[in-house]
């Protein structure tokens, strides 16, 4: 009798989760269709110093992702530290200020203040078992990590399909990781599935961009959920780092390199490795194939290591990081070589000859 009851409960949870994921996809698809019809009224992403596009493309596709995720998440909340309503409110605050920035640019200080305040609120609940100065220090450190995750994702949202693919692969891996720990992965699966309709519109050549309203909250949740999983003992600390390594490595190494060279890190640029790969001739499709392969590989290794001893995961993270660094070194080499060749061609070109 008890076994039958447990089976019915499990079946009920499975059906509820499947329904929530289906709702997330359906709502997101409807919103993407509506945004496509209203594309003339959406804020346009005009080319700037960091753009890889020649013309303006409407942005705001992140609204579809959030529209699909929130109803499903409210219906099937994950067992995160603190009230789930606080998580939704903090994510909503980050999304709101990001949307306003999409429509009319806001000062970076305002955006960062909202991100840090929202991240701090979640981090405070994650450190509830600590006290005093130790809790304050831990809260501050985690808030910085979450805020960095939010901006990291935004930095990497510059090539067709890249951020959407990372969201699908990353949050799907979170869902599988949570289920393997005996927890519900429905909210993570819903977020991954809610990204699919947007990804269809964002595939090369993109007809719709995610915008800050999508990229910043996705990065915020990737970092916050990753830390929450560690706190709740769903997975070790290496797991979220390995799952999102293709973005984490590119953005972090690029920032470090610019700091070492004394560059103004807050200014737009085109020196991320994915941007260099695109410019080397891979284009949007080639870049998506290369990074998409890396995303799938890292997520597969992370999930494969999850059931093994903890040190195996650290070894997997280290090996993937070495492979990523090798790829980045090759991109750096060919990028510099191309730059030198172009400079030599310009200096030795015939009078009147124009660059194509």
Protein backbone atom coordinates (compact mmCIF):
# COMPACT_ATOMS: atom_id res chain seq x y z
CA UNK A 1 0.00 0.00 0.00
CA UNK A 2 2.79 2.42 0.94
CA UNK A 3 4.65 1.57 -2.26
CA UNK A 4 1.56 2.28 -4.35
CA UNK A 5 0.99 5.57 -2.58
CA UNK A 6 4.61 6.58 -3.15
CA UNK A 7 4.28 5.61 -6.80
CA UNK A 8 1.17 7.73 -7.23
CA UNK A 9 2.89 10.69 -5.56
CA UNK A 10 5.91 10.32 -7.84
CA UNK A 11 3.68 10.05 -10.91
CA UNK A 12 1.74 13.12 -9.82
CA UNK A 13 4.94 15.13 -9.40
CA UNK A 14 6.15 14.00 -12.80
CA UNK A 15 2.92 15.06 -14.48
CA UNK A 16 2.95 18.39 -12.64
CA UNK A 17 6.53 19.03 -13.71
CA UNK A 18 5.80 18.10 -17.30
CA UNK A 19 2.80 20.41 -17.34
CA UNK A 20 4.87 23.29 -15.92
CA UNK A 21 7.58 22.79 -18.54
CA UNK A 22 4.97 22.63 -21.32
CA UNK A 23 3.40 25.86 -20.07
CA UNK A 24 6.82 27.54 -20.01
CA UNK A 25 7.44 26.60 -23.65
CA UNK A 26 3.95 27.59 -24.81
CA UNK A 27 3.97 30.98 -23.09
CA UNK A 28 7.50 31.77 -24.31
CA UNK A 29 6.57 30.79 -27.88
CA UNK A 30 3.49 33.03 -27.83
CA UNK A 31 5.49 35.98 -26.53
CA UNK A 32 8.22 35.47 -29.14
CA UNK A 33 5.53 35.49 -31.84
CA UNK A 34 4.05 38.68 -30.39
CA UNK A 35 7.46 40.36 -30.19
CA UNK A 36 8.16 39.41 -33.80
CA UNK A 37 4.97 41.16 -34.87
CA UNK A 38 5.88 44.21 -32.78
CA UNK A 39 9.51 44.31 -33.85
CA UNK A 40 9.17 47.86 -35.21
CA UNK A 41 8.22 49.09 -31.73
CA UNK A 42 10.99 47.26 -29.88
CA UNK A 43 14.20 49.04 -28.88
CA UNK A 44 16.83 48.49 -31.55
CA UNK A 45 20.33 47.23 -30.89
CA UNK A 46 22.40 49.55 -33.05
CA UNK A 47 26.00 48.59 -33.90
CA UNK A 48 28.68 49.92 -31.56
CA UNK A 49 32.31 49.22 -30.65
CA UNK A 50 31.52 45.70 -29.40
CA UNK A 51 28.99 44.72 -32.05
CA UNK A 52 29.46 41.90 -34.54
CA UNK A 53 26.45 43.03 -36.59
CA UNK A 54 26.29 45.50 -39.43
CA UNK A 55 22.70 46.65 -38.95
CA UNK A 56 20.20 47.32 -36.18
CA UNK A 57 18.30 44.34 -34.74
CA UNK A 58 15.32 44.59 -32.35
CA UNK A 59 15.98 43.43 -28.81
CA UNK A 60 13.80 42.40 -25.92
CA UNK A 61 13.58 38.66 -26.58
CA UNK A 62 14.47 38.06 -22.96
CA UNK A 63 10.91 39.09 -22.08
CA UNK A 64 9.68 35.87 -23.68
CA UNK A 65 12.09 33.77 -21.60
CA UNK A 66 10.97 35.41 -18.36
CA UNK A 67 7.29 35.23 -19.34
CA UNK A 68 7.60 31.49 -19.82
CA UNK A 69 9.73 30.84 -16.76
CA UNK A 70 7.93 32.81 -14.04
CA UNK A 71 4.50 31.07 -14.18
CA UNK A 72 6.15 27.64 -14.22
CA UNK A 73 8.53 28.60 -11.43
CA UNK A 74 5.70 29.91 -9.26
CA UNK A 75 3.81 26.66 -9.81
CA UNK A 76 6.78 24.36 -9.08
CA UNK A 77 9.34 26.28 -6.97
CA UNK A 78 12.73 24.70 -6.24
CA UNK A 79 13.89 24.08 -2.68
CA UNK A 80 16.26 27.06 -2.53
CA UNK A 81 17.48 28.85 0.61
CA UNK A 82 14.94 31.49 1.65
CA UNK A 83 11.42 32.26 0.43
CA UNK A 84 10.88 31.64 -3.28
CA UNK A 85 8.97 34.91 -3.50
CA UNK A 86 12.18 36.72 -2.53
CA UNK A 87 14.00 35.00 -5.39
CA UNK A 88 11.29 36.01 -7.85
CA UNK A 89 11.27 39.59 -6.54
CA UNK A 90 15.06 39.94 -6.75
CA UNK A 91 15.16 38.48 -10.26
CA UNK A 92 12.30 40.78 -11.22
CA UNK A 93 14.18 43.83 -9.93
CA UNK A 94 17.24 42.88 -11.98
CA UNK A 95 15.07 42.27 -15.04
CA UNK A 96 13.22 45.58 -14.63
CA UNK A 97 16.33 47.75 -14.42
CA UNK A 98 17.80 45.80 -17.36
CA UNK A 99 14.68 46.40 -19.45
CA UNK A 100 14.77 50.12 -18.68
CA UNK A 101 18.42 50.10 -19.76
CA UNK A 102 17.40 48.44 -23.03
CA UNK A 103 14.85 51.17 -23.70
CA UNK A 104 16.87 54.12 -22.43
CA UNK A 105 20.43 53.74 -21.21
CA UNK A 106 20.93 53.89 -17.45
CA UNK A 107 24.16 54.77 -15.64
CA UNK A 108 26.25 51.69 -14.91
CA UNK A 109 26.25 52.60 -11.21
CA UNK A 110 22.44 52.35 -11.04
CA UNK A 111 22.40 48.94 -12.71
CA UNK A 112 25.19 47.63 -10.52
CA UNK A 113 23.52 48.91 -7.34
CA UNK A 114 20.30 47.02 -8.14
CA UNK A 115 22.25 43.89 -9.06
CA UNK A 116 24.29 43.96 -5.86
CA UNK A 117 21.27 44.67 -3.67
CA UNK A 118 19.31 41.81 -5.25
CA UNK A 119 22.27 39.46 -5.08
CA UNK A 120 22.90 40.47 -1.47
CA UNK A 121 19.32 39.65 -0.51
CA UNK A 122 19.66 36.11 -1.87
CA UNK A 123 23.15 35.68 -0.45
CA UNK A 124 21.85 36.67 3.01
CA UNK A 125 19.49 33.69 2.97
CA UNK A 126 22.22 31.39 1.67
CA UNK A 127 24.43 32.21 4.67
CA UNK A 128 21.69 31.86 7.27
CA UNK A 129 23.61 29.16 9.14
CA UNK A 130 26.48 31.59 9.75
CA UNK A 131 26.48 34.56 12.10
CA UNK A 132 28.23 37.83 12.90
CA UNK A 133 31.12 39.10 10.83
CA UNK A 134 31.51 35.72 9.18
CA UNK A 135 27.99 35.91 7.74
CA UNK A 136 28.43 39.51 6.60
CA UNK A 137 31.69 38.65 4.83
CA UNK A 138 30.21 35.53 3.22
CA UNK A 139 27.14 37.46 2.10
CA UNK A 140 29.28 40.16 0.50
CA UNK A 141 31.46 37.60 -1.29
CA UNK A 142 28.49 35.67 -2.66
CA UNK A 143 26.76 38.89 -3.73
CA UNK A 144 29.83 39.82 -5.77
CA UNK A 145 29.89 36.38 -7.39
CA UNK A 146 26.20 36.57 -8.34
CA UNK A 147 26.57 40.11 -9.68
CA UNK A 148 29.60 39.03 -11.70
CA UNK A 149 27.55 36.14 -13.11
CA UNK A 150 24.85 38.58 -14.22
CA UNK A 151 27.33 40.79 -16.04
CA UNK A 152 29.37 37.87 -17.36
CA UNK A 153 26.37 36.51 -19.22
CA UNK A 154 25.65 39.95 -20.64
CA UNK A 155 29.25 40.33 -21.84
CA UNK A 156 28.96 37.05 -23.72
CA UNK A 157 25.68 37.96 -25.41
CA UNK A 158 27.18 39.35 -28.59
CA UNK A 159 27.00 36.61 -31.22
CA UNK A 160 23.89 34.97 -32.65
CA UNK A 161 22.58 32.06 -30.60
CA UNK A 162 25.41 32.12 -28.06
CA UNK A 163 23.67 33.22 -24.86
CA UNK A 164 20.49 31.32 -25.68
CA UNK A 165 22.43 28.10 -26.22
CA UNK A 166 24.31 28.53 -22.96
CA UNK A 167 21.03 29.04 -21.12
CA UNK A 168 19.45 25.92 -22.62
CA UNK A 169 22.46 23.69 -21.97
CA UNK A 170 23.33 25.19 -18.58
CA UNK A 171 19.90 25.14 -16.97
CA UNK A 172 19.11 21.72 -18.46
CA UNK A 173 22.27 20.45 -16.76
CA UNK A 174 21.10 22.06 -13.50
CA UNK A 175 17.77 20.25 -13.87
CA UNK A 176 19.46 16.88 -14.36
CA UNK A 177 21.85 17.58 -11.49
CA UNK A 178 19.00 18.46 -9.14
CA UNK A 179 17.01 15.35 -10.09
CA UNK A 180 20.06 13.15 -9.53
CA UNK A 181 20.24 14.60 -6.02
CA UNK A 182 16.62 13.67 -5.38
CA UNK A 183 15.29 17.21 -5.80
CA UNK A 184 12.86 18.73 -8.26
CA UNK A 185 14.54 20.12 -11.35
CA UNK A 186 11.31 21.46 -12.86
CA UNK A 187 12.09 25.16 -12.43
CA UNK A 188 15.51 24.72 -14.07
CA UNK A 189 14.03 22.66 -16.90
CA UNK A 190 11.30 25.27 -17.39
CA UNK A 191 13.92 28.01 -17.73
CA UNK A 192 15.86 25.96 -20.28
CA UNK A 193 12.73 25.14 -22.29
CA UNK A 194 11.43 28.72 -22.11
CA UNK A 195 14.63 29.80 -23.89
CA UNK A 196 14.06 27.52 -26.90
CA UNK A 197 11.50 29.69 -28.77
CA UNK A 198 13.76 32.72 -28.42
CA UNK A 199 16.77 30.68 -29.56
CA UNK A 200 14.88 29.81 -32.75
CA UNK A 201 14.53 33.54 -33.49
CA UNK A 202 18.10 34.26 -32.39
CA UNK A 203 19.80 31.58 -34.48
CA UNK A 204 22.11 32.92 -37.21
CA UNK A 205 21.15 35.24 -38.80
CA UNK A 206 19.33 36.59 -35.75
CA UNK A 207 16.02 38.39 -36.19
CA UNK A 208 15.65 39.13 -32.46
CA UNK A 209 18.17 39.85 -29.73
CA UNK A 210 17.83 38.87 -26.08
CA UNK A 211 18.72 42.30 -24.71
CA UNK A 212 19.84 43.04 -21.17
CA UNK A 213 16.36 42.08 -19.95
CA UNK A 214 17.24 38.50 -20.84
CA UNK A 215 21.01 38.20 -20.51
CA UNK A 216 21.40 39.84 -17.09
CA UNK A 217 18.65 37.86 -15.27
CA UNK A 218 19.88 34.62 -16.86
CA UNK A 219 23.39 35.23 -15.60
CA UNK A 220 21.99 36.29 -12.23
CA UNK A 221 20.03 33.03 -11.93
CA UNK A 222 22.87 30.87 -13.26
CA UNK A 223 25.14 32.10 -10.47
CA UNK A 224 22.45 32.18 -7.76
CA UNK A 225 21.10 28.70 -8.56
CA UNK A 226 24.63 27.35 -8.80
CA UNK A 227 25.49 28.62 -5.33
CA UNK A 228 22.12 27.51 -3.93
CA UNK A 229 22.82 24.00 -5.19
CA UNK A 230 26.10 23.96 -3.29
CA UNK A 231 24.43 25.25 -0.12
CA UNK A 232 21.64 22.67 -0.43
CA UNK A 233 24.16 19.89 -1.17
CA UNK A 234 22.71 19.14 -4.62
CA UNK A 235 26.14 19.36 -6.20
CA UNK A 236 29.77 20.31 -5.36
CA UNK A 237 31.16 23.78 -6.08
CA UNK A 238 32.92 22.60 -9.23
CA UNK A 239 29.64 21.61 -10.91
CA UNK A 240 28.18 25.05 -11.80
CA UNK A 241 31.66 26.33 -12.67
CA UNK A 242 32.17 23.45 -15.12
CA UNK A 243 28.69 23.68 -16.62
CA UNK A 244 29.09 27.38 -17.42
CA UNK A 245 32.86 27.22 -18.10
CA UNK A 246 32.61 28.33 -21.77
CA UNK A 247 31.20 31.68 -20.61
CA UNK A 248 33.03 31.86 -17.30
CA UNK A 249 36.44 31.29 -18.86
CA UNK A 250 36.01 33.68 -21.78
CA UNK A 251 34.62 36.59 -19.77
CA UNK A 252 36.98 36.20 -16.80
CA UNK A 253 40.15 35.83 -18.85
CA UNK A 254 39.19 38.74 -21.09
CA UNK A 255 38.57 40.98 -18.08
CA UNK A 256 41.86 39.92 -16.48
CA UNK A 257 43.78 40.57 -19.69
CA UNK A 258 42.27 44.04 -20.08
CA UNK A 259 43.05 44.89 -16.46
CA UNK A 260 46.69 43.80 -16.91
CA UNK A 261 46.98 45.95 -20.03
CA UNK A 262 45.52 48.96 -18.23
CA UNK A 263 42.47 49.18 -20.46
CA UNK A 264 39.19 50.74 -19.38
CA UNK A 265 37.22 47.61 -18.62
CA UNK A 266 33.88 49.43 -18.54
CA UNK A 267 34.14 50.49 -22.17
CA UNK A 268 32.70 48.47 -25.05
CA UNK A 269 35.22 46.33 -26.93
CA UNK A 270 35.61 43.40 -29.30
CA UNK A 271 38.35 41.42 -27.58
CA UNK A 272 36.37 38.53 -26.11
CA UNK A 273 37.58 35.25 -27.55
CA UNK A 274 34.21 34.55 -29.14
CA UNK A 275 34.37 37.96 -30.82
CA UNK A 276 37.87 37.27 -32.11
CA UNK A 277 36.83 33.84 -33.38
CA UNK A 278 33.90 35.43 -35.19
CA UNK A 279 36.17 38.06 -36.75
CA UNK A 280 38.74 35.44 -37.81
CA UNK A 281 36.19 34.08 -40.27
CA UNK A 282 34.09 31.70 -38.22
CA UNK A 283 31.19 34.13 -38.39
CA UNK A 284 28.11 33.71 -36.25
CA UNK A 285 27.44 30.13 -37.36
CA UNK A 286 31.00 28.93 -36.86
CA UNK A 287 31.26 30.62 -33.49
CA UNK A 288 27.99 29.07 -32.36
CA UNK A 289 29.12 25.62 -33.49
CA UNK A 290 32.45 25.94 -31.67
CA UNK A 291 31.03 27.33 -28.44
CA UNK A 292 27.94 25.12 -28.61
CA UNK A 293 30.20 22.08 -28.80
CA UNK A 294 32.17 23.35 -25.81
CA UNK A 295 28.94 23.91 -23.85
CA UNK A 296 27.71 20.38 -24.52
CA UNK A 297 31.11 18.89 -23.72
CA UNK A 298 31.45 20.75 -20.41
CA UNK A 299 27.90 19.92 -19.33
CA UNK A 300 28.40 16.25 -20.25
CA UNK A 301 31.64 16.03 -18.29
CA UNK A 302 30.04 17.78 -15.31
CA UNK A 303 27.08 15.39 -15.24
CA UNK A 304 29.33 12.37 -15.75
CA UNK A 305 31.50 13.42 -12.81
CA UNK A 306 28.54 14.23 -10.57
CA UNK A 307 28.06 10.66 -9.43
CA UNK A 308 31.75 10.07 -8.80
CA UNK A 309 34.01 11.20 -5.96
CA UNK A 310 34.28 14.96 -5.54
CA UNK A 311 37.93 15.10 -6.61
CA UNK A 312 36.98 13.61 -9.99
CA UNK A 313 34.90 16.71 -10.70
CA UNK A 314 37.79 19.01 -9.88
CA UNK A 315 39.97 16.99 -12.25
CA UNK A 316 37.31 17.28 -14.94
CA UNK A 317 37.08 21.04 -14.39
CA UNK A 318 40.86 21.34 -14.60
CA UNK A 319 41.11 19.32 -17.82
CA UNK A 320 38.30 21.28 -19.49
CA UNK A 321 39.92 24.54 -18.37
CA UNK A 322 43.24 23.49 -19.90
CA UNK A 323 41.53 22.61 -23.19
CA UNK A 324 39.69 25.92 -23.15
CA UNK A 325 42.89 27.83 -22.45
CA UNK A 326 44.58 26.01 -25.34
CA UNK A 327 41.77 27.02 -27.68
CA UNK A 328 41.93 30.61 -26.45
CA UNK A 329 45.70 30.66 -26.99
CA UNK A 330 45.20 29.55 -30.59
CA UNK A 331 42.57 32.25 -31.13
CA UNK A 332 44.92 34.83 -29.60
CA UNK A 333 47.78 33.74 -31.85
CA UNK A 334 45.78 33.83 -35.08
CA UNK A 335 44.11 37.10 -34.10
CA UNK A 336 47.45 38.82 -33.55
CA UNK A 337 48.83 37.32 -36.73
CA UNK A 338 45.86 38.60 -38.71
CA UNK A 339 46.22 42.05 -37.15
CA UNK A 340 49.93 42.20 -38.03
CA UNK A 341 49.24 41.06 -41.58
CA UNK A 342 46.55 43.68 -42.00
CA UNK A 343 48.85 46.39 -40.66
CA UNK A 344 51.64 45.30 -42.98
CA UNK A 345 49.24 45.28 -45.92
CA UNK A 346 48.04 48.78 -45.19
CA UNK A 347 51.56 50.15 -44.85
CA UNK A 348 52.72 48.47 -48.05
CA UNK A 349 49.56 48.89 -50.11
CA UNK A 350 49.53 50.68 -53.41
CA UNK A 351 48.25 54.25 -53.56
CA UNK A 352 44.52 54.39 -54.04
CA UNK A 353 44.04 50.74 -52.98
CA UNK A 354 41.10 50.33 -50.62
CA UNK A 355 40.55 47.71 -47.94
CA UNK A 356 37.73 45.33 -48.83
